[in-house]
Structures are given as structure tokens and as C-alpha cells.
N, C-alpha and C. Protein backbone atom coordinates (compact mmCIF):
# COMPACT_ATOMS: atom_id res chain seq x y z
N UNK A 1 2.25 2.40 -18.68
CA UNK A 1 2.57 1.96 -17.34
C UNK A 1 1.58 0.85 -16.98
N UNK A 2 2.11 -0.24 -16.47
CA UNK A 2 1.20 -1.31 -16.07
C UNK A 2 0.71 -1.07 -14.64
N UNK A 3 -0.25 -1.88 -14.22
CA UNK A 3 -0.88 -1.71 -12.90
C UNK A 3 0.15 -1.82 -11.77
N UNK A 4 1.07 -2.77 -11.88
CA UNK A 4 2.07 -2.96 -10.83
C UNK A 4 2.95 -1.72 -10.67
N UNK A 5 3.38 -1.15 -11.78
CA UNK A 5 4.20 0.05 -11.74
C UNK A 5 3.43 1.22 -11.16
N UNK A 6 2.17 1.35 -11.57
CA UNK A 6 1.35 2.44 -11.05
C UNK A 6 1.15 2.30 -9.56
N UNK A 7 0.90 1.09 -9.09
CA UNK A 7 0.70 0.86 -7.66
C UNK A 7 2.00 1.11 -6.89
N UNK A 8 3.13 0.72 -7.48
CA UNK A 8 4.42 0.99 -6.84
C UNK A 8 4.62 2.48 -6.67
N UNK A 9 4.34 3.22 -7.73
CA UNK A 9 4.51 4.67 -7.67
C UNK A 9 3.53 5.29 -6.68
N UNK A 10 2.28 4.84 -6.72
CA UNK A 10 1.29 5.36 -5.78
C UNK A 10 1.71 5.07 -4.34
N UNK A 11 2.17 3.86 -4.10
CA UNK A 11 2.64 3.50 -2.76
C UNK A 11 3.80 4.38 -2.32
N UNK A 12 4.68 4.65 -3.25
CA UNK A 12 5.82 5.52 -2.93
C UNK A 12 5.36 6.93 -2.63
N UNK A 13 4.35 7.40 -3.38
CA UNK A 13 3.82 8.74 -3.11
C UNK A 13 3.16 8.80 -1.74
N UNK A 14 2.33 7.81 -1.45
CA UNK A 14 1.62 7.80 -0.18
C UNK A 14 2.58 7.58 0.98
N UNK A 15 3.51 6.69 0.80
CA UNK A 15 4.42 6.36 1.89
C UNK A 15 5.71 7.14 1.83
N UNK A 16 5.71 8.23 1.11
CA UNK A 16 6.93 9.01 0.94
C UNK A 16 7.61 9.38 2.24
N UNK A 17 6.84 9.64 3.28
CA UNK A 17 7.44 10.01 4.55
C UNK A 17 8.24 8.86 5.12
N UNK A 18 7.84 7.63 4.81
CA UNK A 18 8.57 6.46 5.29
C UNK A 18 9.81 6.22 4.44
N UNK A 19 9.72 6.53 3.16
CA UNK A 19 10.81 6.27 2.25
C UNK A 19 11.91 7.31 2.37
N UNK A 20 11.51 8.53 2.65
CA UNK A 20 12.46 9.62 2.75
C UNK A 20 12.22 10.31 4.08
N UNK A 21 13.03 9.97 5.05
CA UNK A 21 12.85 10.53 6.38
C UNK A 21 13.41 11.92 6.49
N UNK A 22 13.06 12.60 7.58
CA UNK A 22 13.59 13.95 7.79
C UNK A 22 15.10 13.93 7.90
N UNK A 23 15.71 14.91 7.34
CA UNK A 23 17.16 15.03 7.45
C UNK A 23 17.92 14.21 6.44
N UNK A 24 17.25 13.43 5.60
CA UNK A 24 17.93 12.62 4.60
C UNK A 24 18.15 13.49 3.38
N UNK A 25 19.38 13.61 2.96
CA UNK A 25 19.71 14.40 1.78
C UNK A 25 19.83 13.45 0.61
N UNK A 26 18.92 13.56 -0.36
CA UNK A 26 18.94 12.67 -1.51
C UNK A 26 19.79 13.24 -2.64
N UNK A 27 19.76 14.51 -2.79
CA UNK A 27 20.51 15.15 -3.85
C UNK A 27 20.61 16.63 -3.50
N UNK A 28 21.35 17.34 -4.28
CA UNK A 28 21.55 18.76 -3.97
C UNK A 28 20.67 19.67 -4.80
N UNK A 29 19.65 19.12 -5.51
CA UNK A 29 18.76 19.98 -6.28
C UNK A 29 18.01 20.90 -5.33
N UNK A 30 17.78 22.12 -5.78
CA UNK A 30 17.05 23.08 -4.95
C UNK A 30 15.56 22.74 -4.92
N UNK A 31 15.05 22.11 -5.97
CA UNK A 31 13.63 21.84 -6.09
C UNK A 31 13.29 20.48 -5.45
N UNK A 32 12.47 20.48 -4.39
CA UNK A 32 12.13 19.21 -3.75
C UNK A 32 11.35 18.28 -4.68
N UNK A 33 10.63 18.82 -5.67
CA UNK A 33 9.91 17.97 -6.62
C UNK A 33 10.88 17.15 -7.47
N UNK A 34 12.02 17.76 -7.81
CA UNK A 34 13.04 17.04 -8.58
C UNK A 34 13.62 15.91 -7.75
N UNK A 35 13.89 16.19 -6.47
CA UNK A 35 14.42 15.14 -5.58
C UNK A 35 13.41 13.99 -5.47
N UNK A 36 12.13 14.34 -5.29
CA UNK A 36 11.10 13.31 -5.19
C UNK A 36 11.02 12.50 -6.46
N UNK A 37 11.02 13.17 -7.61
CA UNK A 37 10.93 12.46 -8.89
C UNK A 37 12.10 11.51 -9.07
N UNK A 38 13.29 11.96 -8.74
CA UNK A 38 14.48 11.09 -8.86
C UNK A 38 14.37 9.88 -7.94
N UNK A 39 13.94 10.13 -6.71
CA UNK A 39 13.81 9.03 -5.74
C UNK A 39 12.77 8.02 -6.20
N UNK A 40 11.59 8.50 -6.62
CA UNK A 40 10.54 7.60 -7.07
C UNK A 40 10.95 6.83 -8.32
N UNK A 41 11.65 7.49 -9.23
CA UNK A 41 12.11 6.81 -10.44
C UNK A 41 13.08 5.69 -10.08
N UNK A 42 14.00 5.99 -9.18
CA UNK A 42 14.98 4.99 -8.76
C UNK A 42 14.29 3.83 -8.06
N UNK A 43 13.36 4.12 -7.16
CA UNK A 43 12.71 3.07 -6.39
C UNK A 43 11.73 2.25 -7.22
N UNK A 44 11.09 2.86 -8.21
CA UNK A 44 10.06 2.16 -8.98
C UNK A 44 10.60 1.53 -10.26
N UNK A 45 11.77 1.98 -10.69
CA UNK A 45 12.30 1.48 -11.95
C UNK A 45 11.72 2.17 -13.17
N UNK A 46 10.91 3.19 -12.95
CA UNK A 46 10.32 3.96 -14.05
C UNK A 46 11.28 5.07 -14.47
N UNK A 47 11.13 5.53 -15.69
CA UNK A 47 11.97 6.62 -16.18
C UNK A 47 11.63 7.93 -15.48
N UNK A 48 12.63 8.78 -15.31
CA UNK A 48 12.44 10.05 -14.61
C UNK A 48 11.41 10.92 -15.31
N UNK A 49 11.41 10.94 -16.65
CA UNK A 49 10.44 11.77 -17.38
C UNK A 49 9.02 11.25 -17.16
N UNK A 50 8.88 9.95 -17.13
CA UNK A 50 7.57 9.34 -16.89
C UNK A 50 7.06 9.71 -15.49
N UNK A 51 7.93 9.63 -14.51
CA UNK A 51 7.55 9.98 -13.13
C UNK A 51 7.17 11.46 -13.06
N UNK A 52 7.92 12.31 -13.72
CA UNK A 52 7.58 13.74 -13.71
C UNK A 52 6.21 14.00 -14.32
N UNK A 53 5.88 13.29 -15.42
CA UNK A 53 4.56 13.46 -16.03
C UNK A 53 3.46 13.05 -15.06
N UNK A 54 3.69 11.96 -14.33
CA UNK A 54 2.69 11.50 -13.35
C UNK A 54 2.57 12.52 -12.22
N UNK A 55 3.69 13.01 -11.74
CA UNK A 55 3.67 13.95 -10.61
C UNK A 55 3.00 15.28 -10.97
N UNK A 56 2.99 15.64 -12.24
CA UNK A 56 2.31 16.87 -12.63
C UNK A 56 0.82 16.81 -12.32
N UNK A 57 0.28 15.60 -12.24
CA UNK A 57 -1.15 15.42 -11.95
C UNK A 57 -1.42 15.21 -10.46
N UNK A 58 -0.38 15.17 -9.66
CA UNK A 58 -0.55 14.95 -8.22
C UNK A 58 -1.03 16.23 -7.56
N UNK A 59 -1.93 16.08 -6.60
CA UNK A 59 -2.46 17.22 -5.86
C UNK A 59 -2.35 16.93 -4.36
N UNK A 60 -2.05 17.93 -3.61
CA UNK A 60 -2.02 17.81 -2.16
C UNK A 60 -3.46 17.88 -1.65
N UNK A 61 -3.88 16.81 -0.97
CA UNK A 61 -5.23 16.76 -0.42
C UNK A 61 -5.13 16.61 1.10
N UNK A 62 -5.36 17.68 1.83
CA UNK A 62 -5.26 17.61 3.29
C UNK A 62 -6.13 16.51 3.89
N UNK A 63 -7.30 16.23 3.28
CA UNK A 63 -8.16 15.19 3.84
C UNK A 63 -7.50 13.82 3.76
N UNK A 64 -6.74 13.56 2.70
CA UNK A 64 -6.04 12.27 2.57
C UNK A 64 -4.92 12.19 3.60
N UNK A 65 -4.17 13.25 3.74
CA UNK A 65 -3.09 13.27 4.73
C UNK A 65 -3.66 13.06 6.13
N UNK A 66 -4.78 13.69 6.41
CA UNK A 66 -5.43 13.53 7.71
C UNK A 66 -5.83 12.08 7.94
N UNK A 67 -6.40 11.44 6.92
CA UNK A 67 -6.86 10.05 7.07
C UNK A 67 -5.70 9.09 7.27
N UNK A 68 -4.62 9.24 6.54
CA UNK A 68 -3.50 8.29 6.68
C UNK A 68 -2.64 8.61 7.89
N UNK A 69 -2.85 9.75 8.52
CA UNK A 69 -2.08 10.11 9.70
C UNK A 69 -2.67 9.54 10.98
N UNK A 70 -3.94 9.13 10.93
CA UNK A 70 -4.60 8.56 12.10
C UNK A 70 -4.83 7.08 11.88
N UNK A 71 -4.18 6.23 12.65
CA UNK A 71 -4.38 4.80 12.45
C UNK A 71 -5.82 4.38 12.76
N UNK A 72 -6.40 3.63 11.84
CA UNK A 72 -7.78 3.20 12.04
C UNK A 72 -7.90 2.25 13.23
N UNK A 73 -6.80 1.57 13.54
CA UNK A 73 -6.81 0.64 14.67
C UNK A 73 -7.09 1.35 15.99
N UNK A 74 -6.93 2.66 16.02
CA UNK A 74 -7.20 3.42 17.24
C UNK A 74 -8.69 3.63 17.46
N UNK A 75 -9.50 3.27 16.47
CA UNK A 75 -10.95 3.41 16.60
C UNK A 75 -11.49 2.40 17.62
N UNK A 76 -12.65 2.65 18.18
CA UNK A 76 -13.27 1.67 19.06
C UNK A 76 -13.47 0.36 18.29
N UNK A 77 -13.32 -0.77 19.00
CA UNK A 77 -13.37 -2.07 18.33
C UNK A 77 -14.67 -2.27 17.55
N UNK A 78 -15.78 -1.81 18.08
CA UNK A 78 -17.06 -2.00 17.39
C UNK A 78 -17.03 -1.38 15.99
N UNK A 79 -16.35 -0.28 15.81
CA UNK A 79 -16.26 0.36 14.49
C UNK A 79 -15.19 -0.34 13.64
N UNK A 80 -14.06 -0.67 14.24
CA UNK A 80 -12.96 -1.31 13.53
C UNK A 80 -13.36 -2.69 13.04
N UNK A 81 -14.12 -3.42 13.83
CA UNK A 81 -14.54 -4.79 13.54
C UNK A 81 -15.32 -4.87 12.23
N UNK A 82 -16.11 -3.85 11.92
CA UNK A 82 -16.94 -3.88 10.72
C UNK A 82 -16.11 -3.94 9.44
N UNK A 83 -14.84 -3.59 9.50
CA UNK A 83 -13.99 -3.69 8.32
C UNK A 83 -13.71 -5.15 7.96
N UNK A 84 -13.72 -6.03 8.97
CA UNK A 84 -13.27 -7.40 8.76
C UNK A 84 -14.32 -8.46 9.02
N UNK A 85 -15.40 -8.12 9.67
CA UNK A 85 -16.43 -9.11 9.99
C UNK A 85 -17.73 -8.66 9.34
N UNK A 86 -18.01 -9.24 8.17
CA UNK A 86 -19.26 -8.94 7.47
C UNK A 86 -19.53 -10.07 6.48
N UNK A 87 -20.72 -10.09 5.92
CA UNK A 87 -21.17 -11.20 5.08
C UNK A 87 -20.29 -11.45 3.86
N UNK A 88 -19.86 -10.40 3.21
CA UNK A 88 -19.04 -10.60 2.00
C UNK A 88 -17.76 -11.36 2.33
N UNK A 89 -17.08 -10.97 3.41
CA UNK A 89 -15.85 -11.67 3.78
C UNK A 89 -16.14 -13.08 4.28
N UNK A 90 -17.29 -13.27 4.93
CA UNK A 90 -17.65 -14.61 5.38
C UNK A 90 -17.83 -15.52 4.17
N UNK A 91 -18.51 -15.03 3.15
CA UNK A 91 -18.72 -15.82 1.92
C UNK A 91 -17.39 -16.10 1.22
N UNK A 92 -16.55 -15.09 1.15
CA UNK A 92 -15.25 -15.28 0.51
C UNK A 92 -14.40 -16.30 1.28
N UNK A 93 -14.44 -16.23 2.60
CA UNK A 93 -13.70 -17.20 3.42
C UNK A 93 -14.21 -18.61 3.23
N UNK A 94 -15.52 -18.78 3.19
CA UNK A 94 -16.11 -20.11 2.98
C UNK A 94 -15.72 -20.65 1.60
N UNK A 95 -15.74 -19.79 0.59
CA UNK A 95 -15.36 -20.21 -0.76
C UNK A 95 -13.89 -20.60 -0.80
N UNK A 96 -13.05 -19.86 -0.10
CA UNK A 96 -11.62 -20.17 -0.04
C UNK A 96 -11.38 -21.53 0.61
N UNK A 97 -12.05 -21.75 1.74
CA UNK A 97 -11.90 -23.04 2.42
C UNK A 97 -12.35 -24.19 1.52
N UNK A 98 -13.43 -24.00 0.81
CA UNK A 98 -13.94 -25.04 -0.08
C UNK A 98 -12.97 -25.28 -1.24
N UNK A 99 -12.47 -24.21 -1.82
CA UNK A 99 -11.55 -24.34 -2.96
C UNK A 99 -10.24 -25.01 -2.57
N UNK A 100 -9.83 -24.87 -1.32
CA UNK A 100 -8.54 -25.41 -0.87
C UNK A 100 -8.72 -26.53 0.15
N UNK A 101 -9.88 -27.17 0.14
CA UNK A 101 -10.19 -28.21 1.13
C UNK A 101 -9.17 -29.33 1.12
N UNK A 102 -8.74 -29.77 -0.06
CA UNK A 102 -7.78 -30.87 -0.15
C UNK A 102 -6.44 -30.48 0.49
N UNK A 103 -5.99 -29.27 0.25
CA UNK A 103 -4.73 -28.81 0.84
C UNK A 103 -4.84 -28.71 2.36
N UNK A 104 -5.97 -28.20 2.85
CA UNK A 104 -6.18 -28.13 4.30
C UNK A 104 -6.18 -29.53 4.90
N UNK A 105 -6.89 -30.48 4.25
CA UNK A 105 -6.96 -31.85 4.77
C UNK A 105 -5.58 -32.49 4.81
N UNK A 106 -4.80 -32.28 3.76
CA UNK A 106 -3.43 -32.82 3.70
C UNK A 106 -2.58 -32.29 4.85
N UNK A 107 -2.66 -31.00 5.10
CA UNK A 107 -1.85 -30.40 6.15
C UNK A 107 -2.35 -30.75 7.54
N UNK A 108 -3.67 -30.94 7.68
CA UNK A 108 -4.22 -31.39 8.96
C UNK A 108 -3.64 -32.76 9.29
N UNK A 109 -3.59 -33.66 8.30
CA UNK A 109 -3.02 -34.99 8.51
C UNK A 109 -1.52 -34.91 8.79
N UNK A 110 -0.81 -34.14 7.98
CA UNK A 110 0.64 -34.07 8.09
C UNK A 110 1.08 -33.48 9.43
N UNK A 111 0.45 -32.40 9.88
CA UNK A 111 0.90 -31.68 11.05
C UNK A 111 0.04 -31.90 12.29
N UNK A 112 -1.03 -32.69 12.15
CA UNK A 112 -1.88 -33.00 13.29
C UNK A 112 -2.62 -31.80 13.84
N UNK A 113 -3.04 -30.93 12.94
CA UNK A 113 -3.82 -29.74 13.36
C UNK A 113 -5.20 -29.80 12.76
N UNK A 114 -6.11 -29.04 13.30
CA UNK A 114 -7.47 -28.97 12.75
C UNK A 114 -7.81 -27.55 12.36
């Protein structure tokens, strides 16, 4: 499995509630794990047996569910801000601007923006 496929499957596992809403009948299998495996295989393009092998290693972690159930944006701004305003991102932003300076200059001229 390549990284893209693994990330697709992981995203499907994490976002499963979004992909399969309440009351949606995907199949008539009695086992919800079989329904999940079929859905993930269909959505990811991976084989059903491969998905089942991956799911055998999946564990329910209440702490993860708790963390993804509370939007971080609800935190006070002073705490939320630290995710996006710090030295590493400042350096990365400066490097990005420098690496793409010609493109920025071209578009500033073309569209009259700074």
C-alpha cells in the first residue's frame, strides 16, 4: 500500500461518521465491520481483503474520539493562535515568498495588487 492509499483509508476511518451517516443502509450484512470494510474498499479503491487486514489492527481509542469530537477552533484564541503563529511557520513563509518572488512580482504587476 502506498502512502496515498494509506492516508485515504485512514481518512475514511477517522471521518467514517461523515462518510456513513446514521440511518444509511450500505448492505444487508449483519456484521457492521463487513459493511465498513466494503465501504472503505469501494471508496479507497483498495481490495476488500486488504482493507480487512488493515482493519484487524484498528483499535477503538476513546481519547482520539474525544479529541476529534471537540473542534479546536472553540479554544480561546490565545491557545488556538499558537498552532499557526510561531517561528517555524514564519521561517517557512519567508522561504516560500523568496522561492516564489518572481511569480508574486508578475501577479502584482498583472493584477495591480501588493
